[in-house]
PDB file of all heavy atoms in Angstrom:
ATOM      1  N   LEU A   1     -52.911  -9.820  51.484  1.00  0.00           N
ATOM      2  CA  LEU A   1     -52.269 -11.080  51.883  1.00  0.00           C
ATOM      3  C   LEU A   1     -52.581 -11.459  53.321  1.00  0.00           C
ATOM      4  O   LEU A   1     -52.892 -12.629  53.593  1.00  0.00           O
ATOM      5  CB  LEU A   1     -50.754 -11.015  51.649  1.00  0.00           C
ATOM      6  CG  LEU A   1     -50.319 -11.208  50.204  1.00  0.00           C
ATOM      7  CD1 LEU A   1     -48.826 -10.961  50.045  1.00  0.00           C
ATOM      8  CD2 LEU A   1     -50.685 -12.584  49.695  1.00  0.00           C
ATOM      9  N   PRO A   2     -52.547 -10.526  54.273  1.00  0.00           N
ATOM     10  CA  PRO A   2     -52.957 -10.899  55.630  1.00  0.00           C
ATOM     11  C   PRO A   2     -54.403 -11.406  55.692  1.00  0.00           C
ATOM     12  O   PRO A   2     -54.704 -12.323  56.455  1.00  0.00           O
ATOM     13  CB  PRO A   2     -52.782  -9.609  56.436  1.00  0.00           C
ATOM     14  CG  PRO A   2     -51.726  -8.852  55.705  1.00  0.00           C
ATOM     15  CD  PRO A   2     -51.962  -9.172  54.240  1.00  0.00           C
ATOM     16  N   LEU A   3     -55.283 -10.833  54.885  1.00  0.00           N
ATOM     17  CA  LEU A   3     -56.663 -11.310  54.862  1.00  0.00           C
ATOM     18  C   LEU A   3     -56.725 -12.740  54.319  1.00  0.00           C
ATOM     19  O   LEU A   3     -57.412 -13.598  54.890  1.00  0.00           O
ATOM     20  CB  LEU A   3     -57.549 -10.381  54.040  1.00  0.00           C
ATOM     21  CG  LEU A   3     -59.018 -10.803  53.892  1.00  0.00           C
ATOM     22  CD1 LEU A   3     -59.681 -10.988  55.256  1.00  0.00           C
ATOM     23  CD2 LEU A   3     -59.766  -9.788  53.038  1.00  0.00           C
ATOM     24  N   ALA A   4     -56.005 -13.013  53.246  1.00  0.00           N
ATOM     25  CA  ALA A   4     -55.975 -14.375  52.696  1.00  0.00           C
ATOM     26  C   ALA A   4     -55.445 -15.359  53.736  1.00  0.00           C
ATOM     27  O   ALA A   4     -56.004 -16.451  53.922  1.00  0.00           O
ATOM     28  CB  ALA A   4     -55.116 -14.422  51.434  1.00  0.00           C
ATOM     29  N   ARG A   5     -54.385 -14.966  54.422  1.00  0.00           N
ATOM     30  CA  ARG A   5     -53.824 -15.854  55.458  1.00  0.00           C
ATOM     31  C   ARG A   5     -54.812 -16.059  56.603  1.00  0.00           C
ATOM     32  O   ARG A   5     -54.942 -17.159  57.136  1.00  0.00           O
ATOM     33  CB  ARG A   5     -52.512 -15.285  55.971  1.00  0.00           C
ATOM     34  CG  ARG A   5     -51.381 -15.441  54.981  1.00  0.00           C
ATOM     35  CD  ARG A   5     -50.038 -15.026  55.579  1.00  0.00           C
ATOM     36  NE  ARG A   5     -49.031 -15.060  54.549  1.00  0.00           N
ATOM     37  CZ  ARG A   5     -48.554 -13.981  53.920  1.00  0.00           C
ATOM     38  NH1 ARG A   5     -48.958 -12.771  54.261  1.00  0.00           N
ATOM     39  NH2 ARG A   5     -47.639 -14.113  52.986  1.00  0.00           N
ATOM     40  N   ALA A   6     -55.503 -15.003  56.989  1.00  0.00           N
ATOM     41  CA  ALA A   6     -56.482 -15.115  58.076  1.00  0.00           C
ATOM     42  C   ALA A   6     -57.607 -16.069  57.687  1.00  0.00           C
ATOM     43  O   ALA A   6     -58.016 -16.917  58.491  1.00  0.00           O
ATOM     44  CB  ALA A   6     -57.045 -13.737  58.434  1.00  0.00           C
ATOM     45  N   ILE A   7     -58.096 -15.954  56.460  1.00  0.00           N
ATOM     46  CA  ILE A   7     -59.160 -16.854  56.005  1.00  0.00           C
ATOM     47  C   ILE A   7     -58.654 -18.296  56.029  1.00  0.00           C
ATOM     48  O   ILE A   7     -59.355 -19.213  56.461  1.00  0.00           O
ATOM     49  CB  ILE A   7     -59.642 -16.471  54.592  1.00  0.00           C
ATOM     50  CG1 ILE A   7     -60.304 -15.093  54.599  1.00  0.00           C
ATOM     51  CG2 ILE A   7     -60.609 -17.524  54.046  1.00  0.00           C
ATOM     52  CD1 ILE A   7     -60.541 -14.513  53.209  1.00  0.00           C
ATOM     53  N   ALA A   8     -57.424 -18.497  55.583  1.00  0.00           N
ATOM     54  CA  ALA A   8     -56.873 -19.848  55.470  1.00  0.00           C
ATOM     55  C   ALA A   8     -56.463 -20.453  56.805  1.00  0.00           C
ATOM     56  O   ALA A   8     -56.545 -21.672  56.974  1.00  0.00           O
ATOM     57  CB  ALA A   8     -55.665 -19.831  54.530  1.00  0.00           C
ATOM     58  N   GLU A   9     -56.052 -19.621  57.760  1.00  0.00           N
ATOM     59  CA  GLU A   9     -55.383 -20.182  58.939  1.00  0.00           C
ATOM     60  C   GLU A   9     -56.057 -19.920  60.278  1.00  0.00           C
ATOM     61  O   GLU A   9     -55.860 -20.698  61.206  1.00  0.00           O
ATOM     62  CB  GLU A   9     -53.954 -19.637  58.997  1.00  0.00           C
ATOM     63  CG  GLU A   9     -53.116 -20.023  57.799  1.00  0.00           C
ATOM     64  CD  GLU A   9     -51.787 -19.287  57.738  1.00  0.00           C
ATOM     65  OE1 GLU A   9     -51.506 -18.438  58.623  1.00  0.00           O
ATOM     66  OE2 GLU A   9     -51.038 -19.544  56.782  1.00  0.00           O
ATOM     67  N   GLU A  10     -56.824 -18.860  60.420  1.00  0.00           N
ATOM     68  CA  GLU A  10     -57.281 -18.473  61.757  1.00  0.00           C
ATOM     69  C   GLU A  10     -58.352 -19.375  62.345  1.00  0.00           C
ATOM     70  O   GLU A  10     -58.402 -19.548  63.559  1.00  0.00           O
ATOM     71  CB  GLU A  10     -57.790 -17.024  61.753  1.00  0.00           C
ATOM     72  CG  GLU A  10     -56.670 -16.022  61.751  1.00  0.00           C
ATOM     73  CD  GLU A  10     -57.182 -14.592  61.887  1.00  0.00           C
ATOM     74  OE1 GLU A  10     -58.382 -14.385  62.140  1.00  0.00           O
ATOM     75  OE2 GLU A  10     -56.341 -13.687  61.729  1.00  0.00           O
ATOM     76  N   ALA A  11     -59.209 -19.930  61.528  1.00  0.00           N
ATOM     77  CA  ALA A  11     -60.324 -20.722  62.066  1.00  0.00           C
ATOM     78  C   ALA A  11     -60.628 -21.910  61.151  1.00  0.00           C
ATOM     79  O   ALA A  11     -61.697 -21.987  60.552  1.00  0.00           O
ATOM     80  CB  ALA A  11     -61.556 -19.844  62.232  1.00  0.00           C
ATOM     81  N   PRO A  12     -59.706 -22.857  61.033  1.00  0.00           N
ATOM     82  CA  PRO A  12     -59.916 -23.959  60.086  1.00  0.00           C
ATOM     83  C   PRO A  12     -61.134 -24.834  60.402  1.00  0.00           C
ATOM     84  O   PRO A  12     -61.638 -25.512  59.519  1.00  0.00           O
ATOM     85  CB  PRO A  12     -58.611 -24.759  60.168  1.00  0.00           C
ATOM     86  CG  PRO A  12     -57.997 -24.364  61.460  1.00  0.00           C
ATOM     87  CD  PRO A  12     -58.449 -22.962  61.742  1.00  0.00           C
ATOM     88  N   GLU A  13     -61.607 -24.805  61.630  1.00  0.00           N
ATOM     89  CA  GLU A  13     -62.799 -25.586  61.959  1.00  0.00           C
ATOM     90  C   GLU A  13     -64.069 -24.896  61.476  1.00  0.00           C
ATOM     91  O   GLU A  13     -65.113 -25.525  61.363  1.00  0.00           O
ATOM     92  CB  GLU A  13     -62.936 -25.793  63.481  1.00  0.00           C
ATOM     93  CG  GLU A  13     -61.680 -26.186  64.208  1.00  0.00           C
ATOM     94  CD  GLU A  13     -60.752 -24.992  64.495  1.00  0.00           C
ATOM     95  OE1 GLU A  13     -61.225 -23.855  64.744  1.00  0.00           O
ATOM     96  OE2 GLU A  13     -59.537 -25.209  64.454  1.00  0.00           O
ATOM     97  N   GLU A  14     -63.985 -23.601  61.211  1.00  0.00           N
ATOM     98  CA  GLU A  14     -65.163 -22.818  60.853  1.00  0.00           C
ATOM     99  C   GLU A  14     -65.155 -22.338  59.404  1.00  0.00           C
ATOM    100  O   GLU A  14     -66.213 -22.165  58.810  1.00  0.00           O
ATOM    101  CB  GLU A  14     -65.259 -21.587  61.767  1.00  0.00           C
ATOM    102  CG  GLU A  14     -65.385 -21.933  63.230  1.00  0.00           C
ATOM    103  CD  GLU A  14     -65.076 -20.741  64.125  1.00  0.00           C
ATOM    104  OE1 GLU A  14     -64.632 -19.687  63.636  1.00  0.00           O
ATOM    105  OE2 GLU A  14     -65.280 -20.877  65.340  1.00  0.00           O
ATOM    106  N   VAL A  15     -63.962 -22.100  58.854  1.00  0.00           N
ATOM    107  CA  VAL A  15     -63.835 -21.458  57.544  1.00  0.00           C
ATOM    108  C   VAL A  15     -62.781 -22.193  56.719  1.00  0.00           C
ATOM    109  O   VAL A  15     -61.712 -22.521  57.226  1.00  0.00           O
ATOM    110  CB  VAL A  15     -63.411 -19.976  57.708  1.00  0.00           C
ATOM    111  CG1 VAL A  15     -63.183 -19.320  56.364  1.00  0.00           C
ATOM    112  CG2 VAL A  15     -64.437 -19.202  58.515  1.00  0.00           C
ATOM    113  N   THR A  16     -63.094 -22.425  55.450  1.00  0.00           N
ATOM    114  CA  THR A  16     -62.129 -23.011  54.519  1.00  0.00           C
ATOM    115  C   THR A  16     -61.909 -22.049  53.362  1.00  0.00           C
ATOM    116  O   THR A  16     -62.879 -21.612  52.729  1.00  0.00           O
ATOM    117  CB  THR A  16     -62.643 -24.361  53.969  1.00  0.00           C
ATOM    118  OG1 THR A  16     -62.769 -25.279  55.050  1.00  0.00           O
ATOM    119  CG2 THR A  16     -61.702 -24.930  52.926  1.00  0.00           C
ATOM    120  N   LEU A  17     -60.655 -21.716  53.097  1.00  0.00           N
ATOM    121  CA  LEU A  17     -60.327 -20.899  51.929  1.00  0.00           C
ATOM    122  C   LEU A  17     -60.334 -21.812  50.706  1.00  0.00           C
ATOM    123  O   LEU A  17     -59.531 -22.727  50.603  1.00  0.00           O
ATOM    124  CB  LEU A  17     -58.958 -20.231  52.084  1.00  0.00           C
ATOM    125  CG  LEU A  17     -58.488 -19.403  50.893  1.00  0.00           C
ATOM    126  CD1 LEU A  17     -59.421 -18.231  50.616  1.00  0.00           C
ATOM    127  CD2 LEU A  17     -57.066 -18.910  51.111  1.00  0.00           C
ATOM    128  N   VAL A  18     -61.259 -21.565  49.794  1.00  0.00           N
ATOM    129  CA  VAL A  18     -61.380 -22.361  48.582  1.00  0.00           C
ATOM    130  C   VAL A  18     -60.431 -21.848  47.506  1.00  0.00           C
ATOM    131  O   VAL A  18     -59.815 -22.614  46.775  1.00  0.00           O
ATOM    132  CB  VAL A  18     -62.837 -22.368  48.073  1.00  0.00           C
ATOM    133  CG1 VAL A  18     -62.972 -23.141  46.772  1.00  0.00           C
ATOM    134  CG2 VAL A  18     -63.771 -22.936  49.134  1.00  0.00           C
ATOM    135  N   GLY A  19     -60.297 -20.515  47.414  1.00  0.00           N
ATOM    136  CA  GLY A  19     -59.438 -19.943  46.389  1.00  0.00           C
ATOM    137  C   GLY A  19     -59.606 -18.435  46.322  1.00  0.00           C
ATOM    138  O   GLY A  19     -60.128 -17.818  47.243  1.00  0.00           O
ATOM    139  N   VAL A  20     -59.136 -17.869  45.228  1.00  0.00           N
ATOM    140  CA  VAL A  20     -59.304 -16.439  44.977  1.00  0.00           C
ATOM    141  C   VAL A  20     -60.196 -16.273  43.750  1.00  0.00           C
ATOM    142  O   VAL A  20     -60.218 -17.126  42.866  1.00  0.00           O
ATOM    143  CB  VAL A  20     -57.959 -15.698  44.792  1.00  0.00           C
ATOM    144  CG1 VAL A  20     -57.139 -15.743  46.064  1.00  0.00           C
ATOM    145  CG2 VAL A  20     -57.180 -16.263  43.634  1.00  0.00           C
ATOM    146  N   TYR A  21     -60.932 -15.172  43.740  1.00  0.00           N
ATOM    147  CA  TYR A  21     -61.932 -14.937  42.709  1.00  0.00           C
ATOM    148  C   TYR A  21     -61.773 -13.514  42.191  1.00  0.00           C
ATOM    149  O   TYR A  21     -61.658 -12.576  42.981  1.00  0.00           O
ATOM    150  CB  TYR A  21     -63.324 -15.113  43.332  1.00  0.00           C
ATOM    151  CG  TYR A  21     -64.485 -14.937  42.385  1.00  0.00           C
ATOM    152  CD1 TYR A  21     -65.087 -16.029  41.789  1.00  0.00           C
ATOM    153  CD2 TYR A  21     -64.996 -13.672  42.106  1.00  0.00           C
ATOM    154  CE1 TYR A  21     -66.172 -15.882  40.937  1.00  0.00           C
ATOM    155  CE2 TYR A  21     -66.078 -13.507  41.245  1.00  0.00           C
ATOM    156  CZ  TYR A  21     -66.657 -14.618  40.670  1.00  0.00           C
ATOM    157  OH  TYR A  21     -67.729 -14.465  39.819  1.00  0.00           O
ATOM    158  N   ALA A  22     -61.757 -13.368  40.886  1.00  0.00           N
ATOM    159  CA  ALA A  22     -61.721 -12.042  40.269  1.00  0.00           C
ATOM    160  C   ALA A  22     -62.735 -12.013  39.136  1.00  0.00           C
ATOM    161  O   ALA A  22     -62.925 -13.011  38.432  1.00  0.00           O
ATOM    162  CB  ALA A  22     -60.325 -11.735  39.728  1.00  0.00           C
ATOM    163  N   HIS A  23     -63.391 -10.891  38.998  1.00  0.00           N
ATOM    164  CA  HIS A  23     -64.397 -10.703  37.953  1.00  0.00           C
ATOM    165  C   HIS A  23     -63.958  -9.541  37.072  1.00  0.00           C
ATOM    166  O   HIS A  23     -63.690  -8.455  37.569  1.00  0.00           O
ATOM    167  CB  HIS A  23     -65.748 -10.400  38.604  1.00  0.00           C
ATOM    168  CG  HIS A  23     -66.804  -9.980  37.638  1.00  0.00           C
ATOM    169  ND1 HIS A  23     -67.329 -10.842  36.708  1.00  0.00           N
ATOM    170  CD2 HIS A  23     -67.422  -8.794  37.440  1.00  0.00           C
ATOM    171  CE1 HIS A  23     -68.240 -10.203  35.991  1.00  0.00           C
ATOM    172  NE2 HIS A  23     -68.307  -8.951  36.414  1.00  0.00           N
ATOM    173  N   CYS A  24     -63.885  -9.761  35.789  1.00  0.00           N
ATOM    174  CA  CYS A  24     -63.431  -8.742  34.844  1.00  0.00           C
ATOM    175  C   CYS A  24     -64.591  -7.866  34.376  1.00  0.00           C
ATOM    176  O   CYS A  24     -64.829  -7.694  33.174  1.00  0.00           O
ATOM    177  CB  CYS A  24     -62.758  -9.396  33.648  1.00  0.00           C
ATOM    178  SG  CYS A  24     -61.249 -10.276  34.025  1.00  0.00           S
ATOM    179  N   GLY A  25     -65.311  -7.283  35.316  1.00  0.00           N
ATOM    180  CA  GLY A  25     -66.410  -6.403  34.962  1.00  0.00           C
ATOM    181  C   GLY A  25     -65.954  -5.164  34.217  1.00  0.00           C
ATOM    182  O   GLY A  25     -66.760  -4.495  33.566  1.00  0.00           O
ATOM    183  N   ASN A  26     -64.667  -4.858  34.310  1.00  0.00           N
ATOM    184  CA  ASN A  26     -64.158  -3.699  33.579  1.00  0.00           C
ATOM    185  C   ASN A  26     -64.089  -3.957  32.070  1.00  0.00           C
ATOM    186  O   ASN A  26     -63.760  -3.057  31.311  1.00  0.00           O
ATOM    187  CB  ASN A  26     -62.809  -3.248  34.135  1.00  0.00           C
ATOM    188  CG  ASN A  26     -61.836  -4.370  34.375  1.00  0.00           C
ATOM    189  OD1 ASN A  26     -62.215  -5.521  34.581  1.00  0.00           O
ATOM    190  ND2 ASN A  26     -60.558  -4.062  34.380  1.00  0.00           N
ATOM    191  N   THR A  27     -64.435  -5.158  31.631  1.00  0.00           N
ATOM    192  CA  THR A  27     -64.512  -5.425  30.193  1.00  0.00           C
ATOM    193  C   THR A  27     -65.825  -4.932  29.591  1.00  0.00           C
ATOM    194  O   THR A  27     -65.938  -4.835  28.375  1.00  0.00           O
ATOM    195  CB  THR A  27     -64.383  -6.932  29.886  1.00  0.00           C
ATOM    196  OG1 THR A  27     -65.450  -7.628  30.544  1.00  0.00           O
ATOM    197  CG2 THR A  27     -63.041  -7.471  30.325  1.00  0.00           C
ATOM    198  N   TYR A  28     -66.806  -4.625  30.430  1.00  0.00           N
ATOM    199  CA  TYR A  28     -68.122  -4.250  29.911  1.00  0.00           C
ATOM    200  C   TYR A  28     -68.057  -3.039  28.982  1.00  0.00           C
ATOM    201  O   TYR A  28     -68.856  -2.935  28.061  1.00  0.00           O
ATOM    202  CB  TYR A  28     -69.096  -3.967  31.048  1.00  0.00           C
ATOM    203  CG  TYR A  28     -69.404  -5.147  31.934  1.00  0.00           C
ATOM    204  CD1 TYR A  28     -69.932  -4.957  33.204  1.00  0.00           C
ATOM    205  CD2 TYR A  28     -69.159  -6.457  31.538  1.00  0.00           C
ATOM    206  CE1 TYR A  28     -70.222  -6.030  34.033  1.00  0.00           C
ATOM    207  CE2 TYR A  28     -69.437  -7.530  32.362  1.00  0.00           C
ATOM    208  CZ  TYR A  28     -69.974  -7.311  33.607  1.00  0.00           C
ATOM    209  OH  TYR A  28     -70.259  -8.371  34.430  1.00  0.00           O
ATOM    210  N   GLY A  29     -67.137  -2.135  29.223  1.00  0.00           N
ATOM    211  CA  GLY A  29     -67.027  -0.943  28.397  1.00  0.00           C
ATOM    212  C   GLY A  29     -66.080  -1.090  27.214  1.00  0.00           C
ATOM    213  O   GLY A  29     -65.856  -0.134  26.480  1.00  0.00           O
ATOM    214  N   CYS A  30     -65.538  -2.282  27.028  1.00  0.00           N
ATOM    215  CA  CYS A  30     -64.587  -2.488  25.925  1.00  0.00           C
ATOM    216  C   CYS A  30     -65.296  -2.465  24.578  1.00  0.00           C
ATOM    217  O   CYS A  30     -66.453  -2.860  24.459  1.00  0.00           O
ATOM    218  CB  CYS A  30     -63.874  -3.829  26.092  1.00  0.00           C
ATOM    219  SG  CYS A  30     -62.703  -3.860  27.453  1.00  0.00           S
ATOM    220  N   SER A  31     -64.540  -2.052  23.565  1.00  0.00           N
ATOM    221  CA  SER A  31     -65.132  -1.955  22.231  1.00  0.00           C
ATOM    222  C   SER A  31     -64.530  -2.959  21.255  1.00  0.00           C
ATOM    223  O   SER A  31     -64.615  -2.769  20.058  1.00  0.00           O
ATOM    224  CB  SER A  31     -64.975  -0.532  21.695  1.00  0.00           C
ATOM    225  OG  SER A  31     -63.601  -0.207  21.605  1.00  0.00           O
ATOM    226  N   GLY A  32     -63.933  -4.006  21.745  1.00  0.00           N
ATOM    227  CA  GLY A  32     -63.393  -5.005  20.836  1.00  0.00           C
ATOM    228  C   GLY A  32     -62.647  -6.106  21.559  1.00  0.00           C
ATOM    229  O   GLY A  32     -62.304  -5.990  22.738  1.00  0.00           O
ATOM    230  N   VAL A  33     -62.411  -7.174  20.831  1.00  0.00           N
ATOM    231  CA  VAL A  33     -61.754  -8.351  21.395  1.00  0.00           C
ATOM    232  C   VAL A  33     -60.355  -8.033  21.937  1.00  0.00           C
ATOM    233  O   VAL A  33     -60.008  -8.479  23.033  1.00  0.00           O
ATOM    234  CB  VAL A  33     -61.718  -9.496  20.353  1.00  0.00           C
ATOM    235  CG1 VAL A  33     -60.863 -10.658  20.829  1.00  0.00           C
ATOM    236  CG2 VAL A  33     -63.136  -9.972  20.040  1.00  0.00           C
ATOM    237  N   PRO A  34     -59.515  -7.276  21.232  1.00  0.00           N
ATOM    238  CA  PRO A  34     -58.185  -6.998  21.775  1.00  0.00           C
ATOM    239  C   PRO A  34     -58.227  -6.316  23.150  1.00  0.00           C
ATOM    240  O   PRO A  34     -57.426  -6.633  24.030  1.00  0.00           O
ATOM    241  CB  PRO A  34     -57.535  -6.086  20.719  1.00  0.00           C
ATOM    242  CG  PRO A  34     -58.235  -6.456  19.446  1.00  0.00           C
ATOM    243  CD  PRO A  34     -59.652  -6.743  19.861  1.00  0.00           C
ATOM    244  N   ALA A  35     -59.157  -5.399  23.341  1.00  0.00           N
ATOM    245  CA  ALA A  35     -59.266  -4.712  24.635  1.00  0.00           C
ATOM    246  C   ALA A  35     -59.704  -5.686  25.727  1.00  0.00           C
ATOM    247  O   ALA A  35     -59.189  -5.650  26.848  1.00  0.00           O
ATOM    248  CB  ALA A  35     -60.247  -3.549  24.536  1.00  0.00           C
ATOM    249  N   ILE A  36     -60.641  -6.565  25.405  1.00  0.00           N
ATOM    250  CA  ILE A  36     -61.092  -7.579  26.370  1.00  0.00           C
ATOM    251  C   ILE A  36     -59.940  -8.518  26.710  1.00  0.00           C
ATOM    252  O   ILE A  36     -59.711  -8.843  27.882  1.00  0.00           O
ATOM    253  CB  ILE A  36     -62.295  -8.360  25.807  1.00  0.00           C
ATOM    254  CG1 ILE A  36     -63.508  -7.436  25.703  1.00  0.00           C
ATOM    255  CG2 ILE A  36     -62.609  -9.581  26.666  1.00  0.00           C
ATOM    256  CD1 ILE A  36     -64.674  -8.021  24.925  1.00  0.00           C
ATOM    257  N   GLN A  37     -59.201  -8.949  25.713  1.00  0.00           N
ATOM    258  CA  GLN A  37     -58.074  -9.845  25.947  1.00  0.00           C
ATOM    259  C   GLN A  37     -57.002  -9.184  26.804  1.00  0.00           C
ATOM    260  O   GLN A  37     -56.389  -9.837  27.654  1.00  0.00           O
ATOM    261  CB  GLN A  37     -57.484 -10.325  24.617  1.00  0.00           C
ATOM    262  CG  GLN A  37     -58.408 -11.279  23.895  1.00  0.00           C
ATOM    263  CD  GLN A  37     -57.913 -11.623  22.499  1.00  0.00           C
ATOM    264  OE1 GLN A  37     -57.207 -10.831  21.845  1.00  0.00           O
ATOM    265  NE2 GLN A  37     -58.276 -12.800  22.023  1.00  0.00           N
ATOM    266  N   ALA A  38     -56.772  -7.899  26.611  1.00  0.00           N
ATOM    267  CA  ALA A  38     -55.776  -7.187  27.417  1.00  0.00           C
ATOM    268  C   ALA A  38     -56.191  -7.172  28.891  1.00  0.00           C
ATOM    269  O   ALA A  38     -55.365  -7.393  29.784  1.00  0.00           O
ATOM    270  CB  ALA A  38     -55.578  -5.764  26.893  1.00  0.00           C
ATOM    271  N   ILE A  39     -57.464  -6.921  29.156  1.00  0.00           N
ATOM    272  CA  ILE A  39     -57.950  -6.933  30.538  1.00  0.00           C
ATOM    273  C   ILE A  39     -57.857  -8.338  31.113  1.00  0.00           C
ATOM    274  O   ILE A  39     -57.451  -8.526  32.268  1.00  0.00           O
ATOM    275  CB  ILE A  39     -59.380  -6.370  30.616  1.00  0.00           C
ATOM    276  CG1 ILE A  39     -59.337  -4.861  30.367  1.00  0.00           C
ATOM    277  CG2 ILE A  39     -60.031  -6.691  31.962  1.00  0.00           C
ATOM    278  CD1 ILE A  39     -60.700  -4.204  30.239  1.00  0.00           C
ATOM    279  N   ALA A  40     -58.222  -9.340  30.335  1.00  0.00           N
ATOM    280  CA  ALA A  40     -58.135 -10.727  30.808  1.00  0.00           C
ATOM    281  C   ALA A  40     -56.693 -11.093  31.155  1.00  0.00           C
ATOM    282  O   ALA A  40     -56.435 -11.725  32.186  1.00  0.00           O
ATOM    283  CB  ALA A  40     -58.693 -11.679  29.757  1.00  0.00           C
ATOM    284  N   ARG A  41     -55.747 -10.688  30.328  1.00  0.00           N
ATOM    285  CA  ARG A  41     -54.327 -10.977  30.608  1.00  0.00           C
ATOM    286  C   ARG A  41     -53.859 -10.248  31.865  1.00  0.00           C
ATOM    287  O   ARG A  41     -53.166 -10.827  32.709  1.00  0.00           O
ATOM    288  CB  ARG A  41     -53.452 -10.589  29.406  1.00  0.00           C
ATOM    289  CG  ARG A  41     -53.481 -11.611  28.288  1.00  0.00           C
ATOM    290  CD  ARG A  41     -52.410 -11.343  27.230  1.00  0.00           C
ATOM    291  NE  ARG A  41     -52.593 -10.054  26.556  1.00  0.00           N
ATOM    292  CZ  ARG A  41     -53.398  -9.856  25.521  1.00  0.00           C
ATOM    293  NH1 ARG A  41     -54.096 -10.838  25.019  1.00  0.00           N
ATOM    294  NH2 ARG A  41     -53.494  -8.658  24.970  1.00  0.00           N
ATOM    295  N   ALA A  42     -54.248  -8.992  32.017  1.00  0.00           N
ATOM    296  CA  ALA A  42     -53.846  -8.223  33.198  1.00  0.00           C
ATOM    297  C   ALA A  42     -54.452  -8.820  34.468  1.00  0.00           C
ATOM    298  O   ALA A  42     -53.779  -8.921  35.499  1.00  0.00           O
ATOM    299  CB  ALA A  42     -54.252  -6.759  33.041  1.00  0.00           C
ATOM    300  N   THR A  43     -55.706  -9.220  34.393  1.00  0.00           N
ATOM    301  CA  THR A  43     -56.360  -9.834  35.550  1.00  0.00           C
ATOM    302  C   THR A  43     -55.693 -11.157  35.901  1.00  0.00           C
ATOM    303  O   THR A  43     -55.413 -11.429  37.077  1.00  0.00           O
ATOM    304  CB  THR A  43     -57.860 -10.042  35.270  1.00  0.00           C
ATOM    305  OG1 THR A  43     -58.458  -8.766  35.030  1.00  0.00           O
ATOM    306  CG2 THR A  43     -58.555 -10.726  36.433  1.00  0.00           C
ATOM    307  N   THR A  44     -55.432 -11.976  34.910  1.00  0.00           N
ATOM    308  CA  THR A  44     -54.773 -13.267  35.141  1.00  0.00           C
ATOM    309  C   THR A  44     -53.406 -13.064  35.779  1.00  0.00           C
ATOM    310  O   THR A  44     -53.051 -13.747  36.747  1.00  0.00           O
ATOM    311  CB  THR A  44     -54.645 -14.053  33.826  1.00  0.00           C
ATOM    312  OG1 THR A  44     -55.964 -14.274  33.300  1.00  0.00           O
ATOM    313  CG2 THR A  44     -53.949 -15.376  34.030  1.00  0.00           C
ATOM    314  N   ALA A  45     -52.647 -12.108  35.281  1.00  0.00           N
ATOM    315  CA  ALA A  45     -51.321 -11.834  35.836  1.00  0.00           C
ATOM    316  C   ALA A  45     -51.423 -11.371  37.287  1.00  0.00           C
ATOM    317  O   ALA A  45     -50.657 -11.811  38.149  1.00  0.00           O
ATOM    318  CB  ALA A  45     -50.592 -10.795  34.987  1.00  0.00           C
ATOM    319  N   ALA A  46     -52.387 -10.499  37.578  1.00  0.00           N
ATOM    320  CA  ALA A  46     -52.555  -9.993  38.948  1.00  0.00           C
ATOM    321  C   ALA A  46     -52.929 -11.121  39.901  1.00  0.00           C
ATOM    322  O   ALA A  46     -52.403 -11.213  41.011  1.00  0.00           O
ATOM    323  CB  ALA A  46     -53.617  -8.888  38.967  1.00  0.00           C
ATOM    324  N   VAL A  47     -53.848 -11.989  39.475  1.00  0.00           N
ATOM    325  CA  VAL A  47     -54.254 -13.115  40.332  1.00  0.00           C
ATOM    326  C   VAL A  47     -53.090 -14.075  40.536  1.00  0.00           C
ATOM    327  O   VAL A  47     -52.815 -14.500  41.665  1.00  0.00           O
ATOM    328  CB  VAL A  47     -55.478 -13.852  39.723  1.00  0.00           C
ATOM    329  CG1 VAL A  47     -55.742 -15.159  40.453  1.00  0.00           C
ATOM    330  CG2 VAL A  47     -56.712 -12.950  39.768  1.00  0.00           C
TER     331      VAL A  47
END
């Protein structure tokens, strides 16, 4: 959170916080749709 605030507030003339980004690369080892959906739900909730 301090990093997010720093990006958003410390240097508005130089840096703009567009948003947050998460990649569900941990789905690569999944063996089915339910497992992928569970990771997607957990990632969405965390973000």
